[in-house]
Amino acid sequence: MTKLSFGAHPYLLGFEQLERLVERTAKSGAEGYPPFNIEAVADNAYRITLAVAGFREEDLAITVEDRQLVIRGRQSDDSEDRVFLHRGIAARAFQRSFVLADGVEVAGAGMEHGLLHIDLRRSVPETVVQTIRIGTKDGGPRTPGQKEGSRK
């Protein structure tokens, strides 16, 4: 028995890239740092919120690379002159990635109370109806009353 993959289904023409996106998302790490929420704030608007306590705006970078939203954080190490008896707050770097669907764009980002908010919006494409003319074997359209193989 042959198993069809998602992208190879006969009714999904041209969706091969979707399977690659799903695989890339699954590989983008199951690490839980920093924790995040994703919420739908309207029909075509979303918000990703990351808990980035201890990070300043200049410690964070947000980029879109090949339909993938990438958030990177790296804190500057200013603890050289401090002596810690216990260090439970990690000052580690992180990278979080989210694959964006076609038509989803980053609308903006902001920080508030140690939370990084990234707003996304989906543009709704217009419905396009296209009529395809049926042509003859030689490529040209047939006129009414024209016999197979004859040209006027």
C-alpha atoms as a PDB file:
ATOM      1  CA  MET A   1       0.000   0.000   0.000  1.00  0.00           C
ATOM      2  CA  THR A   2       1.375   3.410  -0.968  1.00  0.00           C
ATOM      3  CA  LYS A   3       1.160   6.193   1.578  1.00  0.00           C
ATOM      4  CA  LEU A   4       0.548   9.644   0.138  1.00  0.00           C
ATOM      5  CA  SER A   5       2.193  12.553   1.859  1.00  0.00           C
ATOM      6  CA  PHE A   6       0.238  15.751   2.406  1.00  0.00           C
ATOM      7  CA  GLY A   7       1.906  17.593  -0.492  1.00  0.00           C
ATOM      8  CA  ALA A   8       1.468  14.645  -2.865  1.00  0.00           C
ATOM      9  CA  HIS A   9      -2.335  14.434  -2.548  1.00  0.00           C
ATOM     10  CA  PRO A  10      -3.790  14.535  -6.088  1.00  0.00           C
ATOM     11  CA  TYR A  11      -6.218  17.397  -5.347  1.00  0.00           C
ATOM     12  CA  LEU A  12      -3.565  19.698  -3.840  1.00  0.00           C
ATOM     13  CA  LEU A  13      -1.688  20.954  -6.879  1.00  0.00           C
ATOM     14  CA  GLY A  14       1.237  23.274  -6.224  1.00  0.00           C
ATOM     15  CA  PHE A  15       1.233  22.820  -2.440  1.00  0.00           C
ATOM     16  CA  GLU A  16       4.538  20.927  -2.240  1.00  0.00           C
ATOM     17  CA  GLN A  17       6.078  23.875  -0.393  1.00  0.00           C
ATOM     18  CA  LEU A  18       3.474  23.553   2.382  1.00  0.00           C
ATOM     19  CA  GLU A  19       4.845  20.183   3.417  1.00  0.00           C
ATOM     20  CA  ARG A  20       8.367  21.642   3.557  1.00  0.00           C
ATOM     21  CA  LEU A  21       7.079  24.501   5.738  1.00  0.00           C
ATOM     22  CA  VAL A  22       5.447  22.058   8.157  1.00  0.00           C
ATOM     23  CA  GLU A  23       8.673  20.047   8.401  1.00  0.00           C
ATOM     24  CA  ARG A  24      10.723  23.215   8.952  1.00  0.00           C
ATOM     25  CA  THR A  25       8.345  24.353  11.682  1.00  0.00           C
ATOM     26  CA  ALA A  26       8.561  20.997  13.451  1.00  0.00           C
ATOM     27  CA  LYS A  27      12.366  21.207  13.378  1.00  0.00           C
ATOM     28  CA  SER A  28      12.493  24.809  14.622  1.00  0.00           C
ATOM     29  CA  GLY A  29      12.904  23.563  18.153  1.00  0.00           C
ATOM     30  CA  ALA A  30      10.597  22.479  20.899  1.00  0.00           C
ATOM     31  CA  GLU A  31      12.572  24.463  23.463  1.00  0.00           C
ATOM     32  CA  GLY A  32      10.287  26.251  25.882  1.00  0.00           C
ATOM     33  CA  TYR A  33      12.300  29.446  26.305  1.00  0.00           C
ATOM     34  CA  PRO A  34      11.023  32.069  26.180  1.00  0.00           C
ATOM     35  CA  PRO A  35       7.387  31.144  26.749  1.00  0.00           C
ATOM     36  CA  PHE A  36       4.901  32.671  24.316  1.00  0.00           C
ATOM     37  CA  ASN A  37       1.203  33.083  23.502  1.00  0.00           C
ATOM     38  CA  ILE A  38      -0.481  33.342  20.114  1.00  0.00           C
ATOM     39  CA  GLU A  39      -3.914  34.932  19.985  1.00  0.00           C
ATOM     40  CA  ALA A  40      -6.399  35.936  17.325  1.00  0.00           C
ATOM     41  CA  VAL A  41      -7.306  39.559  18.018  1.00  0.00           C
ATOM     42  CA  ALA A  42      -9.616  39.956  14.986  1.00  0.00           C
ATOM     43  CA  ASP A  43     -10.708  37.959  11.915  1.00  0.00           C
ATOM     44  CA  ASN A  44      -7.456  38.667  10.060  1.00  0.00           C
ATOM     45  CA  ALA A  45      -5.185  39.846  12.872  1.00  0.00           C
ATOM     46  CA  TYR A  46      -2.983  37.903  15.268  1.00  0.00           C
ATOM     47  CA  ARG A  47      -0.646  38.723  18.155  1.00  0.00           C
ATOM     48  CA  ILE A  48       2.377  36.784  19.333  1.00  0.00           C
ATOM     49  CA  THR A  49       3.454  37.642  22.888  1.00  0.00           C
ATOM     50  CA  LEU A  50       6.812  36.499  24.263  1.00  0.00           C
ATOM     51  CA  ALA A  51       7.832  36.767  27.921  1.00  0.00           C
ATOM     52  CA  VAL A  52      11.229  38.481  27.664  1.00  0.00           C
ATOM     53  CA  ALA A  53      11.751  39.760  31.207  1.00  0.00           C
ATOM     54  CA  GLY A  54      15.244  41.172  31.646  1.00  0.00           C
ATOM     55  CA  PHE A  55      15.704  41.974  27.946  1.00  0.00           C
ATOM     56  CA  ARG A  56      15.826  45.538  26.673  1.00  0.00           C
ATOM     57  CA  GLU A  57      14.563  46.566  23.244  1.00  0.00           C
ATOM     58  CA  GLU A  58      18.137  46.830  21.974  1.00  0.00           C
ATOM     59  CA  ASP A  59      18.766  43.210  23.087  1.00  0.00           C
ATOM     60  CA  LEU A  60      16.058  41.919  20.717  1.00  0.00           C
ATOM     61  CA  ALA A  61      15.963  41.540  16.928  1.00  0.00           C
ATOM     62  CA  ILE A  62      12.884  40.706  14.858  1.00  0.00           C
ATOM     63  CA  THR A  63      13.337  39.670  11.220  1.00  0.00           C
ATOM     64  CA  VAL A  64      11.326  37.964   8.493  1.00  0.00           C
ATOM     65  CA  GLU A  65      13.464  35.517   6.525  1.00  0.00           C
ATOM     66  CA  ASP A  66      11.867  33.514   3.713  1.00  0.00           C
ATOM     67  CA  ARG A  67       8.310  33.680   5.177  1.00  0.00           C
ATOM     68  CA  GLN A  68       9.675  32.839   8.625  1.00  0.00           C
ATOM     69  CA  LEU A  69       9.366  35.293  11.527  1.00  0.00           C
ATOM     70  CA  VAL A  70      12.530  35.030  13.641  1.00  0.00           C
ATOM     71  CA  ILE A  71      12.907  36.655  17.078  1.00  0.00           C
ATOM     72  CA  ARG A  72      16.396  36.679  18.578  1.00  0.00           C
ATOM     73  CA  GLY A  73      17.439  37.866  22.005  1.00  0.00           C
ATOM     74  CA  ARG A  74      20.907  38.338  23.440  1.00  0.00           C
ATOM     75  CA  GLN A  75      21.506  40.098  26.735  1.00  0.00           C
ATOM     76  CA  SER A  76      24.709  42.012  27.277  1.00  0.00           C
ATOM     77  CA  ASP A  77      26.725  40.511  30.126  1.00  0.00           C
ATOM     78  CA  ASP A  78      27.105  43.231  32.746  1.00  0.00           C
ATOM     79  CA  SER A  79      27.691  40.848  35.654  1.00  0.00           C
ATOM     80  CA  GLU A  80      31.515  40.959  35.536  1.00  0.00           C
ATOM     81  CA  ASP A  81      31.783  43.261  38.555  1.00  0.00           C
ATOM     82  CA  ARG A  82      29.006  41.531  40.562  1.00  0.00           C
ATOM     83  CA  VAL A  83      29.337  38.547  42.888  1.00  0.00           C
ATOM     84  CA  PHE A  84      26.328  36.224  42.815  1.00  0.00           C
ATOM     85  CA  LEU A  85      25.565  33.988  45.796  1.00  0.00           C
ATOM     86  CA  HIS A  86      22.858  32.344  43.666  1.00  0.00           C
ATOM     87  CA  ARG A  87      22.167  32.944  39.984  1.00  0.00           C
ATOM     88  CA  GLY A  88      18.709  31.690  39.097  1.00  0.00           C
ATOM     89  CA  ILE A  89      17.840  34.258  36.424  1.00  0.00           C
ATOM     90  CA  ALA A  90      19.490  33.084  33.247  1.00  0.00           C
ATOM     91  CA  ALA A  91      20.986  35.652  30.914  1.00  0.00           C
ATOM     92  CA  ARG A  92      20.927  33.359  27.918  1.00  0.00           C
ATOM     93  CA  ALA A  93      20.357  34.015  24.270  1.00  0.00           C
ATOM     94  CA  PHE A  94      17.334  32.648  22.452  1.00  0.00           C
ATOM     95  CA  GLN A  95      15.834  32.306  18.999  1.00  0.00           C
ATOM     96  CA  ARG A  96      12.132  31.689  18.302  1.00  0.00           C
ATOM     97  CA  SER A  97      10.800  31.045  14.792  1.00  0.00           C
ATOM     98  CA  PHE A  98       7.265  31.122  13.406  1.00  0.00           C
ATOM     99  CA  VAL A  99       6.373  30.243   9.797  1.00  0.00           C
ATOM    100  CA  LEU A 100       4.074  32.844   8.237  1.00  0.00           C
ATOM    101  CA  ALA A 101       1.435  31.915   5.669  1.00  0.00           C
ATOM    102  CA  ASP A 102       1.281  33.758   2.354  1.00  0.00           C
ATOM    103  CA  GLY A 103      -0.406  37.103   2.869  1.00  0.00           C
ATOM    104  CA  VAL A 104       0.506  37.375   6.569  1.00  0.00           C
ATOM    105  CA  GLU A 105       2.660  40.422   7.300  1.00  0.00           C
ATOM    106  CA  VAL A 106       4.161  41.881  10.468  1.00  0.00           C
ATOM    107  CA  ALA A 107       2.122  44.974  11.372  1.00  0.00           C
ATOM    108  CA  GLY A 108       4.330  46.095  14.262  1.00  0.00           C
ATOM    109  CA  ALA A 109       5.987  45.217  17.552  1.00  0.00           C
ATOM    110  CA  GLY A 110       6.187  46.707  21.026  1.00  0.00           C
ATOM    111  CA  MET A 111       7.391  46.013  24.566  1.00  0.00           C
ATOM    112  CA  GLU A 112       5.283  46.384  27.690  1.00  0.00           C
ATOM    113  CA  HIS A 113       5.987  45.096  31.234  1.00  0.00           C
ATOM    114  CA  GLY A 114       8.567  42.528  30.079  1.00  0.00           C
ATOM    115  CA  LEU A 115       6.352  41.240  27.272  1.00  0.00           C
ATOM    116  CA  LEU A 116       7.221  41.547  23.590  1.00  0.00           C
ATOM    117  CA  HIS A 117       4.094  41.877  21.430  1.00  0.00           C
ATOM    118  CA  ILE A 118       4.310  41.226  17.682  1.00  0.00           C
ATOM    119  CA  ASP A 119       1.186  42.067  15.707  1.00  0.00           C
ATOM    120  CA  LEU A 120       0.433  40.255  12.447  1.00  0.00           C
ATOM    121  CA  ARG A 121      -2.247  40.864   9.850  1.00  0.00           C
ATOM    122  CA  ARG A 122      -3.457  38.816   6.930  1.00  0.00           C
ATOM    123  CA  SER A 123      -4.397  40.614   3.746  1.00  0.00           C
ATOM    124  CA  VAL A 124      -7.453  39.094   2.111  1.00  0.00           C
ATOM    125  CA  PRO A 125      -6.904  38.576  -1.623  1.00  0.00           C
ATOM    126  CA  GLU A 126      -9.627  39.426  -4.095  1.00  0.00           C
ATOM    127  CA  THR A 127     -11.486  36.522  -5.658  1.00  0.00           C
ATOM    128  CA  VAL A 128     -10.392  36.047  -9.265  1.00  0.00           C
ATOM    129  CA  VAL A 129     -12.548  34.222 -11.788  1.00  0.00           C
ATOM    130  CA  GLN A 130     -10.789  33.250 -14.997  1.00  0.00           C
ATOM    131  CA  THR A 131     -12.453  31.719 -18.058  1.00  0.00           C
ATOM    132  CA  ILE A 132     -10.263  29.318 -20.010  1.00  0.00           C
ATOM    133  CA  ARG A 133     -10.976  28.850 -23.713  1.00  0.00           C
ATOM    134  CA  ILE A 134     -10.706  25.355 -25.096  1.00  0.00           C
ATOM    135  CA  GLY A 135      -8.372  25.223 -28.095  1.00  0.00           C
ATOM    136  CA  THR A 136      -7.627  22.706 -30.851  1.00  0.00           C
ATOM    137  CA  LYS A 137      -4.617  20.397 -30.916  1.00  0.00           C
ATOM    138  CA  ASP A 138      -2.628  22.986 -32.879  1.00  0.00           C
ATOM    139  CA  GLY A 139      -3.179  25.453 -30.045  1.00  0.00           C
ATOM    140  CA  GLY A 140      -5.592  27.896 -31.659  1.00  0.00           C
ATOM    141  CA  PRO A 141      -9.218  28.325 -30.646  1.00  0.00           C
ATOM    142  CA  ARG A 142     -11.826  26.730 -32.879  1.00  0.00           C
ATOM    143  CA  THR A 143     -14.420  29.002 -34.458  1.00  0.00           C
ATOM    144  CA  PRO A 144     -18.051  27.880 -34.663  1.00  0.00           C
ATOM    145  CA  GLY A 145     -18.596  25.613 -37.671  1.00  0.00           C
ATOM    146  CA  GLN A 146     -14.870  25.012 -38.171  1.00  0.00           C
ATOM    147  CA  LYS A 147     -13.947  21.381 -38.818  1.00  0.00           C
ATOM    148  CA  GLU A 148     -11.119  19.605 -37.015  1.00  0.00           C
ATOM    149  CA  GLY A 149      -7.776  20.315 -38.757  1.00  0.00           C
ATOM    150  CA  SER A 150      -9.003  23.154 -41.045  1.00  0.00           C
ATOM    151  CA  ARG A 151      -8.050  26.798 -40.447  1.00  0.00           C
ATOM    152  CA  LYS A 152      -9.798  29.894 -41.782  1.00  0.00           C
END
